[in-house]
């Protein structure tokens, strides 16, 4: 999209794997936030930003988009 949309900076997706037991995808960086869905073990989660103990990103380019506890993700080999 860089050729068609201008933004101050572009983020490179950082694919991470969802750890065993899965992970909740939240609407905000709070355990009390709305849970959008549950990511399944082995899913690839595309991290766009890290905010403290939270990763913000998407399950795929079509979404859903939200926040996951960083400790529920691992780098893909």
C-alpha atoms as a PDB file:
ATOM      1  CA  UNK A   1       0.000   0.000   0.000  1.00  0.00           C
ATOM      2  CA  UNK A   2       3.018   2.306   0.297  1.00  0.00           C
ATOM      3  CA  UNK A   3       2.622   3.258  -3.365  1.00  0.00           C
ATOM      4  CA  UNK A   4      -0.973   4.427  -2.896  1.00  0.00           C
ATOM      5  CA  UNK A   5      -1.267   5.615   0.735  1.00  0.00           C
ATOM      6  CA  UNK A   6       0.885   8.096   2.633  1.00  0.00           C
ATOM      7  CA  UNK A   7       1.433   7.662   6.376  1.00  0.00           C
ATOM      8  CA  UNK A   8       4.199   9.043   8.618  1.00  0.00           C
ATOM      9  CA  UNK A   9       5.815   5.589   8.810  1.00  0.00           C
ATOM     10  CA  UNK A  10       5.156   2.050   7.701  1.00  0.00           C
ATOM     11  CA  UNK A  11       5.272  -0.982   9.974  1.00  0.00           C
ATOM     12  CA  UNK A  12       6.773  -4.268   8.887  1.00  0.00           C
ATOM     13  CA  UNK A  13       4.698  -7.236   9.986  1.00  0.00           C
ATOM     14  CA  UNK A  14       6.424  -9.482  12.517  1.00  0.00           C
ATOM     15  CA  UNK A  15       4.807 -12.926  12.289  1.00  0.00           C
ATOM     16  CA  UNK A  16       4.547 -14.744  15.617  1.00  0.00           C
ATOM     17  CA  UNK A  17       3.064 -18.122  16.442  1.00  0.00           C
ATOM     18  CA  UNK A  18       0.322 -18.526  19.021  1.00  0.00           C
ATOM     19  CA  UNK A  19       1.606 -20.697  21.875  1.00  0.00           C
ATOM     20  CA  UNK A  20      -0.038 -23.918  23.106  1.00  0.00           C
ATOM     21  CA  UNK A  21      -3.343 -23.236  24.806  1.00  0.00           C
ATOM     22  CA  UNK A  22      -4.239 -20.412  22.394  1.00  0.00           C
ATOM     23  CA  UNK A  23      -4.614 -16.727  23.214  1.00  0.00           C
ATOM     24  CA  UNK A  24      -7.405 -14.231  23.642  1.00  0.00           C
ATOM     25  CA  UNK A  25      -7.556 -11.307  21.211  1.00  0.00           C
ATOM     26  CA  UNK A  26      -8.740  -8.188  23.047  1.00  0.00           C
ATOM     27  CA  UNK A  27     -10.149  -4.873  21.804  1.00  0.00           C
ATOM     28  CA  UNK A  28      -7.883  -2.933  24.228  1.00  0.00           C
ATOM     29  CA  UNK A  29      -4.789  -3.487  26.384  1.00  0.00           C
ATOM     30  CA  UNK A  30      -6.731  -4.724  29.400  1.00  0.00           C
ATOM     31  CA  UNK A  31      -7.739  -8.175  30.602  1.00  0.00           C
ATOM     32  CA  UNK A  32     -11.183  -6.683  31.260  1.00  0.00           C
ATOM     33  CA  UNK A  33     -11.528  -5.456  27.662  1.00  0.00           C
ATOM     34  CA  UNK A  34     -13.911  -7.023  25.172  1.00  0.00           C
ATOM     35  CA  UNK A  35     -12.570 -10.358  23.945  1.00  0.00           C
ATOM     36  CA  UNK A  36     -12.877 -10.333  20.153  1.00  0.00           C
ATOM     37  CA  UNK A  37     -11.987 -13.968  19.571  1.00  0.00           C
ATOM     38  CA  UNK A  38      -9.668 -16.761  20.635  1.00  0.00           C
ATOM     39  CA  UNK A  39      -6.557 -17.397  18.558  1.00  0.00           C
ATOM     40  CA  UNK A  40      -5.765 -21.075  18.188  1.00  0.00           C
ATOM     41  CA  UNK A  41      -2.454 -22.746  18.954  1.00  0.00           C
ATOM     42  CA  UNK A  42      -0.195 -22.522  15.908  1.00  0.00           C
ATOM     43  CA  UNK A  43      -2.044 -19.589  14.310  1.00  0.00           C
ATOM     44  CA  UNK A  44       0.225 -16.963  12.799  1.00  0.00           C
ATOM     45  CA  UNK A  45      -0.406 -13.545  14.392  1.00  0.00           C
ATOM     46  CA  UNK A  46       1.017 -10.553  12.514  1.00  0.00           C
ATOM     47  CA  UNK A  47       2.470  -8.148  15.109  1.00  0.00           C
ATOM     48  CA  UNK A  48       2.509  -4.478  14.088  1.00  0.00           C
ATOM     49  CA  UNK A  49       3.411  -2.885  17.425  1.00  0.00           C
ATOM     50  CA  UNK A  50       4.418  -3.858  20.963  1.00  0.00           C
ATOM     51  CA  UNK A  51       3.043  -1.834  23.861  1.00  0.00           C
ATOM     52  CA  UNK A  52       4.486  -3.011  27.171  1.00  0.00           C
ATOM     53  CA  UNK A  53       3.298  -6.601  27.690  1.00  0.00           C
ATOM     54  CA  UNK A  54       0.884  -6.438  24.741  1.00  0.00           C
ATOM     55  CA  UNK A  55       1.243  -7.067  21.020  1.00  0.00           C
ATOM     56  CA  UNK A  56      -1.055  -5.207  18.629  1.00  0.00           C
ATOM     57  CA  UNK A  57      -1.691  -6.785  15.260  1.00  0.00           C
ATOM     58  CA  UNK A  58      -3.929  -8.965  13.155  1.00  0.00           C
ATOM     59  CA  UNK A  59      -4.655 -12.595  12.498  1.00  0.00           C
ATOM     60  CA  UNK A  60      -4.585 -11.941   8.746  1.00  0.00           C
ATOM     61  CA  UNK A  61      -4.704  -8.962   6.411  1.00  0.00           C
ATOM     62  CA  UNK A  62      -8.503  -9.168   6.607  1.00  0.00           C
ATOM     63  CA  UNK A  63      -8.483  -9.155  10.423  1.00  0.00           C
ATOM     64  CA  UNK A  64      -9.484  -9.423  13.121  1.00  0.00           C
ATOM     65  CA  UNK A  65      -7.253  -6.747  14.665  1.00  0.00           C
ATOM     66  CA  UNK A  66      -6.558  -6.424  18.372  1.00  0.00           C
ATOM     67  CA  UNK A  67      -4.239  -6.943  21.318  1.00  0.00           C
ATOM     68  CA  UNK A  68      -2.688 -10.190  22.581  1.00  0.00           C
ATOM     69  CA  UNK A  69      -0.574 -10.802  25.663  1.00  0.00           C
ATOM     70  CA  UNK A  70       2.980 -10.867  24.311  1.00  0.00           C
ATOM     71  CA  UNK A  71       3.818 -13.924  26.428  1.00  0.00           C
ATOM     72  CA  UNK A  72       1.227 -15.940  24.421  1.00  0.00           C
ATOM     73  CA  UNK A  73       3.246 -15.488  21.204  1.00  0.00           C
ATOM     74  CA  UNK A  74       6.544 -16.909  20.028  1.00  0.00           C
ATOM     75  CA  UNK A  75       8.768 -16.080  17.047  1.00  0.00           C
ATOM     76  CA  UNK A  76       8.178 -18.277  14.012  1.00  0.00           C
ATOM     77  CA  UNK A  77      11.130 -20.386  12.907  1.00  0.00           C
END
